[in-house]
C-alpha atoms as a PDB file:
ATOM      1  CA  UNK A   1       0.000   0.000   0.000  1.00  0.00           C
ATOM      2  CA  UNK A   2       1.462   3.398  -0.979  1.00  0.00           C
ATOM      3  CA  UNK A   3      -0.955   5.872   0.558  1.00  0.00           C
ATOM      4  CA  UNK A   4       1.164   8.402   2.482  1.00  0.00           C
ATOM      5  CA  UNK A   5       0.139   8.362   6.142  1.00  0.00           C
ATOM      6  CA  UNK A   6       0.243  12.164   6.358  1.00  0.00           C
ATOM      7  CA  UNK A   7      -1.615  12.890   3.128  1.00  0.00           C
ATOM      8  CA  UNK A   8      -4.727  14.603   4.421  1.00  0.00           C
ATOM      9  CA  UNK A   9      -6.018  15.329   0.923  1.00  0.00           C
ATOM     10  CA  UNK A  10      -6.216  11.664  -0.037  1.00  0.00           C
ATOM     11  CA  UNK A  11      -7.703  10.758   3.330  1.00  0.00           C
ATOM     12  CA  UNK A  12     -10.484  13.302   2.839  1.00  0.00           C
ATOM     13  CA  UNK A  13     -11.250  11.983  -0.635  1.00  0.00           C
ATOM     14  CA  UNK A  14     -11.216   8.358   0.546  1.00  0.00           C
ATOM     15  CA  UNK A  15     -13.674   9.200   3.334  1.00  0.00           C
ATOM     16  CA  UNK A  16     -15.967  11.042   0.911  1.00  0.00           C
ATOM     17  CA  UNK A  17     -16.218   8.072  -1.454  1.00  0.00           C
ATOM     18  CA  UNK A  18     -16.483   5.565   1.371  1.00  0.00           C
ATOM     19  CA  UNK A  19     -19.580   7.392   2.566  1.00  0.00           C
ATOM     20  CA  UNK A  20     -21.054   7.324  -0.964  1.00  0.00           C
ATOM     21  CA  UNK A  21     -20.509   3.574  -1.242  1.00  0.00           C
ATOM     22  CA  UNK A  22     -22.026   2.981   2.183  1.00  0.00           C
ATOM     23  CA  UNK A  23     -25.099   5.011   1.236  1.00  0.00           C
ATOM     24  CA  UNK A  24     -25.711   3.884  -2.348  1.00  0.00           C
ATOM     25  CA  UNK A  25     -23.895   0.549  -2.665  1.00  0.00           C
ATOM     26  CA  UNK A  26     -22.212  -0.796  -5.782  1.00  0.00           C
ATOM     27  CA  UNK A  27     -23.858   1.532  -8.276  1.00  0.00           C
ATOM     28  CA  UNK A  28     -22.895   4.666 -10.224  1.00  0.00           C
ATOM     29  CA  UNK A  29     -24.192   6.791  -7.346  1.00  0.00           C
ATOM     30  CA  UNK A  30     -21.963   4.795  -5.023  1.00  0.00           C
ATOM     31  CA  UNK A  31     -18.981   6.342  -6.817  1.00  0.00           C
ATOM     32  CA  UNK A  32     -20.677   9.757  -7.096  1.00  0.00           C
ATOM     33  CA  UNK A  33     -22.003   9.584 -10.656  1.00  0.00           C
ATOM     34  CA  UNK A  34     -25.594  10.372 -11.631  1.00  0.00           C
ATOM     35  CA  UNK A  35     -26.468   7.098 -13.315  1.00  0.00           C
ATOM     36  CA  UNK A  36     -25.477   4.154 -15.458  1.00  0.00           C
ATOM     37  CA  UNK A  37     -26.105   5.835 -18.812  1.00  0.00           C
ATOM     38  CA  UNK A  38     -23.624   8.658 -18.208  1.00  0.00           C
ATOM     39  CA  UNK A  39     -21.147   6.235 -16.637  1.00  0.00           C
ATOM     40  CA  UNK A  40     -21.211   4.065 -19.772  1.00  0.00           C
ATOM     41  CA  UNK A  41     -20.837   7.120 -22.011  1.00  0.00           C
ATOM     42  CA  UNK A  42     -17.884   8.265 -19.935  1.00  0.00           C
ATOM     43  CA  UNK A  43     -16.172   4.870 -20.109  1.00  0.00           C
ATOM     44  CA  UNK A  44     -16.609   4.867 -23.868  1.00  0.00           C
ATOM     45  CA  UNK A  45     -14.680   8.117 -24.201  1.00  0.00           C
ATOM     46  CA  UNK A  46     -11.879   7.023 -21.892  1.00  0.00           C
ATOM     47  CA  UNK A  47     -11.442   3.654 -23.604  1.00  0.00           C
ATOM     48  CA  UNK A  48     -10.777   5.323 -26.944  1.00  0.00           C
ATOM     49  CA  UNK A  49      -7.180   5.318 -25.716  1.00  0.00           C
ATOM     50  CA  UNK A  50      -7.161   1.550 -26.364  1.00  0.00           C
ATOM     51  CA  UNK A  51      -6.405   1.021 -30.049  1.00  0.00           C
ATOM     52  CA  UNK A  52      -5.611  -2.692 -30.241  1.00  0.00           C
ATOM     53  CA  UNK A  53      -7.445  -5.990 -30.383  1.00  0.00           C
ATOM     54  CA  UNK A  54      -4.357  -7.784 -29.105  1.00  0.00           C
ATOM     55  CA  UNK A  55      -4.091  -8.675 -25.407  1.00  0.00           C
ATOM     56  CA  UNK A  56      -3.360  -5.585 -23.306  1.00  0.00           C
ATOM     57  CA  UNK A  57      -3.159  -4.461 -19.693  1.00  0.00           C
ATOM     58  CA  UNK A  58      -4.914  -1.582 -17.898  1.00  0.00           C
ATOM     59  CA  UNK A  59      -4.380   0.270 -14.646  1.00  0.00           C
ATOM     60  CA  UNK A  60      -7.645   1.839 -13.438  1.00  0.00           C
ATOM     61  CA  UNK A  61      -6.875   4.639 -10.950  1.00  0.00           C
ATOM     62  CA  UNK A  62      -9.762   5.347  -8.621  1.00  0.00           C
ATOM     63  CA  UNK A  63     -11.414   2.100  -9.657  1.00  0.00           C
ATOM     64  CA  UNK A  64     -14.176   2.191  -7.035  1.00  0.00           C
ATOM     65  CA  UNK A  65     -16.013  -1.126  -7.032  1.00  0.00           C
ATOM     66  CA  UNK A  66     -14.566  -1.986 -10.463  1.00  0.00           C
ATOM     67  CA  UNK A  67     -17.290  -0.949 -12.915  1.00  0.00           C
ATOM     68  CA  UNK A  68     -14.760  -0.236 -15.681  1.00  0.00           C
ATOM     69  CA  UNK A  69     -13.793  -3.910 -15.642  1.00  0.00           C
ATOM     70  CA  UNK A  70     -17.345  -4.859 -16.663  1.00  0.00           C
ATOM     71  CA  UNK A  71     -17.241  -2.327 -19.497  1.00  0.00           C
ATOM     72  CA  UNK A  72     -13.928  -3.677 -20.792  1.00  0.00           C
ATOM     73  CA  UNK A  73     -15.096  -7.288 -20.503  1.00  0.00           C
ATOM     74  CA  UNK A  74     -18.037  -6.443 -22.740  1.00  0.00           C
ATOM     75  CA  UNK A  75     -15.699  -5.151 -25.462  1.00  0.00           C
ATOM     76  CA  UNK A  76     -12.514  -7.219 -25.276  1.00  0.00           C
ATOM     77  CA  UNK A  77     -11.797 -10.906 -24.813  1.00  0.00           C
ATOM     78  CA  UNK A  78      -8.232 -10.867 -23.544  1.00  0.00           C
ATOM     79  CA  UNK A  79      -6.850  -8.217 -21.218  1.00  0.00           C
ATOM     80  CA  UNK A  80      -5.512  -7.871 -17.697  1.00  0.00           C
ATOM     81  CA  UNK A  81      -6.944  -5.288 -15.336  1.00  0.00           C
ATOM     82  CA  UNK A  82      -5.617  -3.771 -12.124  1.00  0.00           C
ATOM     83  CA  UNK A  83      -7.937  -1.554 -10.124  1.00  0.00           C
ATOM     84  CA  UNK A  84      -6.331   0.909  -7.718  1.00  0.00           C
ATOM     85  CA  UNK A  85      -8.199   2.878  -5.063  1.00  0.00           C
ATOM     86  CA  UNK A  86      -7.432   4.758  -1.847  1.00  0.00           C
ATOM     87  CA  UNK A  87     -10.712   3.753  -0.155  1.00  0.00           C
ATOM     88  CA  UNK A  88     -10.362   0.414   1.618  1.00  0.00           C
ATOM     89  CA  UNK A  89     -14.053  -0.434   1.441  1.00  0.00           C
ATOM     90  CA  UNK A  90     -14.048   0.183  -2.329  1.00  0.00           C
ATOM     91  CA  UNK A  91     -11.236  -2.327  -2.791  1.00  0.00           C
ATOM     92  CA  UNK A  92     -12.954  -4.814  -0.508  1.00  0.00           C
ATOM     93  CA  UNK A  93     -16.210  -4.479  -2.475  1.00  0.00           C
ATOM     94  CA  UNK A  94     -14.375  -4.936  -5.781  1.00  0.00           C
ATOM     95  CA  UNK A  95     -12.498  -8.004  -4.565  1.00  0.00           C
ATOM     96  CA  UNK A  96     -15.744  -9.648  -3.487  1.00  0.00           C
ATOM     97  CA  UNK A  97     -17.553  -8.619  -6.666  1.00  0.00           C
ATOM     98  CA  UNK A  98     -14.920 -10.079  -8.977  1.00  0.00           C
ATOM     99  CA  UNK A  99     -13.854 -13.187  -7.105  1.00  0.00           C
ATOM    100  CA  UNK A 100     -12.882 -15.797  -9.655  1.00  0.00           C
ATOM    101  CA  UNK A 101     -12.159 -13.279 -12.431  1.00  0.00           C
ATOM    102  CA  UNK A 102      -8.574 -14.309 -13.111  1.00  0.00           C
ATOM    103  CA  UNK A 103      -7.721 -11.254 -15.214  1.00  0.00           C
ATOM    104  CA  UNK A 104      -8.753  -8.714 -12.540  1.00  0.00           C
ATOM    105  CA  UNK A 105      -6.871  -7.697  -9.417  1.00  0.00           C
ATOM    106  CA  UNK A 106      -7.381  -4.835  -6.970  1.00  0.00           C
ATOM    107  CA  UNK A 107      -4.835  -2.858  -4.961  1.00  0.00           C
ATOM    108  CA  UNK A 108      -5.328  -0.477  -2.038  1.00  0.00           C
ATOM    109  CA  UNK A 109      -2.949   2.326  -2.981  1.00  0.00           C
ATOM    110  CA  UNK A 110      -2.618   5.849  -4.316  1.00  0.00           C
ATOM    111  CA  UNK A 111      -0.747   4.655  -7.403  1.00  0.00           C
ATOM    112  CA  UNK A 112      -0.238   1.489  -9.493  1.00  0.00           C
ATOM    113  CA  UNK A 113       2.193  -1.145  -8.293  1.00  0.00           C
ATOM    114  CA  UNK A 114       3.139  -2.153 -11.832  1.00  0.00           C
ATOM    115  CA  UNK A 115       3.391  -0.748 -15.345  1.00  0.00           C
ATOM    116  CA  UNK A 116       0.496  -1.413 -17.749  1.00  0.00           C
ATOM    117  CA  UNK A 117      -0.079  -0.707 -21.421  1.00  0.00           C
ATOM    118  CA  UNK A 118      -2.732   1.868 -20.543  1.00  0.00           C
ATOM    119  CA  UNK A 119      -3.847   3.810 -17.496  1.00  0.00           C
ATOM    120  CA  UNK A 120      -7.340   5.233 -17.065  1.00  0.00           C
ATOM    121  CA  UNK A 121      -8.666   7.611 -14.402  1.00  0.00           C
ATOM    122  CA  UNK A 122     -12.369   8.431 -14.269  1.00  0.00           C
ATOM    123  CA  UNK A 123     -13.617  11.070 -11.860  1.00  0.00           C
ATOM    124  CA  UNK A 124     -10.650  11.201  -9.514  1.00  0.00           C
ATOM    125  CA  UNK A 125     -10.049  14.908 -10.193  1.00  0.00           C
ATOM    126  CA  UNK A 126     -13.595  16.097  -9.480  1.00  0.00           C
ATOM    127  CA  UNK A 127     -14.153  16.250  -5.722  1.00  0.00           C
ATOM    128  CA  UNK A 128     -11.726  18.704  -4.156  1.00  0.00           C
ATOM    129  CA  UNK A 129     -13.845  19.349  -1.044  1.00  0.00           C
ATOM    130  CA  UNK A 130     -12.233  22.316   0.748  1.00  0.00           C
ATOM    131  CA  UNK A 131      -8.946  22.341  -1.158  1.00  0.00           C
ATOM    132  CA  UNK A 132      -7.805  25.422  -3.077  1.00  0.00           C
ATOM    133  CA  UNK A 133      -7.345  25.514  -6.843  1.00  0.00           C
ATOM    134  CA  UNK A 134      -3.564  25.499  -6.446  1.00  0.00           C
ATOM    135  CA  UNK A 135      -3.576  22.526  -4.047  1.00  0.00           C
ATOM    136  CA  UNK A 136      -5.841  20.531  -6.325  1.00  0.00           C
ATOM    137  CA  UNK A 137      -3.909  21.445  -9.452  1.00  0.00           C
ATOM    138  CA  UNK A 138      -0.727  20.196  -7.783  1.00  0.00           C
ATOM    139  CA  UNK A 139      -2.442  16.900  -6.904  1.00  0.00           C
ATOM    140  CA  UNK A 140      -3.732  16.570 -10.474  1.00  0.00           C
ATOM    141  CA  UNK A 141      -0.331  17.189 -12.050  1.00  0.00           C
ATOM    142  CA  UNK A 142       1.410  14.787  -9.648  1.00  0.00           C
ATOM    143  CA  UNK A 143      -1.125  12.093 -10.512  1.00  0.00           C
ATOM    144  CA  UNK A 144      -0.656  12.638 -14.240  1.00  0.00           C
ATOM    145  CA  UNK A 145       3.084  12.114 -13.755  1.00  0.00           C
ATOM    146  CA  UNK A 146       2.294   8.811 -12.036  1.00  0.00           C
ATOM    147  CA  UNK A 147       0.011   7.771 -14.903  1.00  0.00           C
ATOM    148  CA  UNK A 148       2.688   8.651 -17.427  1.00  0.00           C
ATOM    149  CA  UNK A 149       5.436   6.659 -15.732  1.00  0.00           C
ATOM    150  CA  UNK A 150       3.214   3.592 -15.232  1.00  0.00           C
ATOM    151  CA  UNK A 151       1.818   3.474 -18.806  1.00  0.00           C
ATOM    152  CA  UNK A 152       3.594   2.011 -21.831  1.00  0.00           C
ATOM    153  CA  UNK A 153       1.268   3.102 -24.615  1.00  0.00           C
ATOM    154  CA  UNK A 154      -0.832   5.905 -23.181  1.00  0.00           C
ATOM    155  CA  UNK A 155      -3.293   7.107 -20.598  1.00  0.00           C
ATOM    156  CA  UNK A 156      -6.702   8.756 -20.416  1.00  0.00           C
ATOM    157  CA  UNK A 157      -8.484  10.835 -17.792  1.00  0.00           C
ATOM    158  CA  UNK A 158     -11.472  13.113 -17.442  1.00  0.00           C
ATOM    159  CA  UNK A 159     -12.258  16.325 -15.586  1.00  0.00           C
ATOM    160  CA  UNK A 160     -15.280  18.475 -15.010  1.00  0.00           C
ATOM    161  CA  UNK A 161     -15.115  21.409 -17.390  1.00  0.00           C
ATOM    162  CA  UNK A 162     -14.731  25.087 -16.570  1.00  0.00           C
ATOM    163  CA  UNK A 163     -17.173  25.664 -19.448  1.00  0.00           C
ATOM    164  CA  UNK A 164     -19.988  24.300 -17.249  1.00  0.00           C
ATOM    165  CA  UNK A 165     -23.077  26.446 -16.776  1.00  0.00           C
ATOM    166  CA  UNK A 166     -22.416  28.686 -13.734  1.00  0.00           C
ATOM    167  CA  UNK A 167     -25.710  27.780 -12.058  1.00  0.00           C
ATOM    168  CA  UNK A 168     -24.775  24.075 -12.142  1.00  0.00           C
ATOM    169  CA  UNK A 169     -21.275  24.462 -10.673  1.00  0.00           C
ATOM    170  CA  UNK A 170     -20.601  23.509  -7.042  1.00  0.00           C
ATOM    171  CA  UNK A 171     -17.833  24.948  -4.864  1.00  0.00           C
ATOM    172  CA  UNK A 172     -16.672  21.542  -3.569  1.00  0.00           C
ATOM    173  CA  UNK A 173     -15.982  20.334  -7.124  1.00  0.00           C
ATOM    174  CA  UNK A 174     -13.019  21.160  -9.335  1.00  0.00           C
ATOM    175  CA  UNK A 175     -13.636  22.471 -12.857  1.00  0.00           C
ATOM    176  CA  UNK A 176     -10.539  22.270 -15.035  1.00  0.00           C
ATOM    177  CA  UNK A 177      -9.600  24.400 -18.025  1.00  0.00           C
ATOM    178  CA  UNK A 178      -9.611  21.951 -20.932  1.00  0.00           C
ATOM    179  CA  UNK A 179      -7.357  24.047 -23.172  1.00  0.00           C
ATOM    180  CA  UNK A 180      -4.745  24.562 -20.452  1.00  0.00           C
ATOM    181  CA  UNK A 181      -4.635  20.846 -19.630  1.00  0.00           C
ATOM    182  CA  UNK A 182      -4.387  19.938 -23.311  1.00  0.00           C
ATOM    183  CA  UNK A 183      -1.391  22.267 -23.618  1.00  0.00           C
ATOM    184  CA  UNK A 184       0.163  20.888 -20.418  1.00  0.00           C
ATOM    185  CA  UNK A 185      -0.110  17.281 -21.604  1.00  0.00           C
ATOM    186  CA  UNK A 186       1.076  18.131 -25.115  1.00  0.00           C
ATOM    187  CA  UNK A 187       4.205  19.847 -23.823  1.00  0.00           C
ATOM    188  CA  UNK A 188       4.990  17.381 -21.023  1.00  0.00           C
ATOM    189  CA  UNK A 189       3.957  13.885 -22.098  1.00  0.00           C
ATOM    190  CA  UNK A 190       3.407  13.227 -25.804  1.00  0.00           C
ATOM    191  CA  UNK A 191       2.863  14.732 -29.233  1.00  0.00           C
ATOM    192  CA  UNK A 192      -0.343  12.788 -29.859  1.00  0.00           C
ATOM    193  CA  UNK A 193      -3.029  14.216 -27.575  1.00  0.00           C
ATOM    194  CA  UNK A 194      -6.797  14.177 -28.147  1.00  0.00           C
ATOM    195  CA  UNK A 195      -9.255  16.444 -26.355  1.00  0.00           C
ATOM    196  CA  UNK A 196     -12.825  15.089 -26.332  1.00  0.00           C
ATOM    197  CA  UNK A 197     -15.361  17.710 -25.325  1.00  0.00           C
ATOM    198  CA  UNK A 198     -18.329  16.808 -27.501  1.00  0.00           C
ATOM    199  CA  UNK A 199     -20.228  14.009 -25.744  1.00  0.00           C
ATOM    200  CA  UNK A 200     -22.930  15.904 -23.900  1.00  0.00           C
ATOM    201  CA  UNK A 201     -21.640  15.873 -20.308  1.00  0.00           C
ATOM    202  CA  UNK A 202     -20.242  18.747 -18.245  1.00  0.00           C
ATOM    203  CA  UNK A 203     -16.750  17.352 -18.584  1.00  0.00           C
ATOM    204  CA  UNK A 204     -13.986  16.548 -21.041  1.00  0.00           C
ATOM    205  CA  UNK A 205     -11.634  13.623 -21.641  1.00  0.00           C
ATOM    206  CA  UNK A 206      -7.976  13.779 -22.594  1.00  0.00           C
ATOM    207  CA  UNK A 207      -6.235  10.916 -24.389  1.00  0.00           C
ATOM    208  CA  UNK A 208      -2.432  10.858 -24.216  1.00  0.00           C
ATOM    209  CA  UNK A 209      -0.920   8.520 -26.813  1.00  0.00           C
ATOM    210  CA  UNK A 210       2.758   7.785 -26.303  1.00  0.00           C
ATOM    211  CA  UNK A 211       5.091   7.123 -29.219  1.00  0.00           C
END
C-alpha cells in the first residue's frame, strides 16, 4: 500500500467516497455519478485510448467497485486489469464482486504497483472538497506524472469542465480548463493528444498517446 500516512487530501477523498458507497452501494451513485447511462458514455470516451485488439493491460486509478472492468469485458476478450483505489471499502467491495475473475486484481494504494499498457482515471479529479485551486492542481499534475510513468502506450483521464453552466457548478468540485490541460499534456507527455469535449456531459476527456 502506498498511501502516504500524512496525506490529508487523499484521506479526505477516501472518506468522501467511502460514505457514498455505504449510502448507495455498488452503483454509479456509489462512486458519485448520476447514473449508469452517463457512466457508460464516460467509459466509452476514456477507452478510446485503447487502439488494439491484441491482449493488453490496464491500470484503473480510482477504480471504485470496479465498474470499468465490466465495461472492458463487454468489449474485449483478452486483457488484464488492475484496479487501484485509496478507499479500503471500495477495494474490498471490488475483490468480493470479482472473485474468480482471473484477469482482474485490486490494490489499495494511491498509485499502481506495476506498469500497464494503458492507465485510465475516471472522476478522480472532481471532488476537491475544501482544497484550493492550487492545491488541487498540484495533486492533479502529480497524478498525471504517475500515470505517465506507469503506462507504456498511453493514458486517459477526465475532468469536469470550466465551461460548465455557472448555475450548475458547485464549490466543492473542481472544474478544469480543458485548453490549459491539453497544452500541459502536449508539452509534457506526448505529441499525440486528443481532447474530447463533444459528448454531452459537463466534462472533457484527454487521451495521451505515447510514441
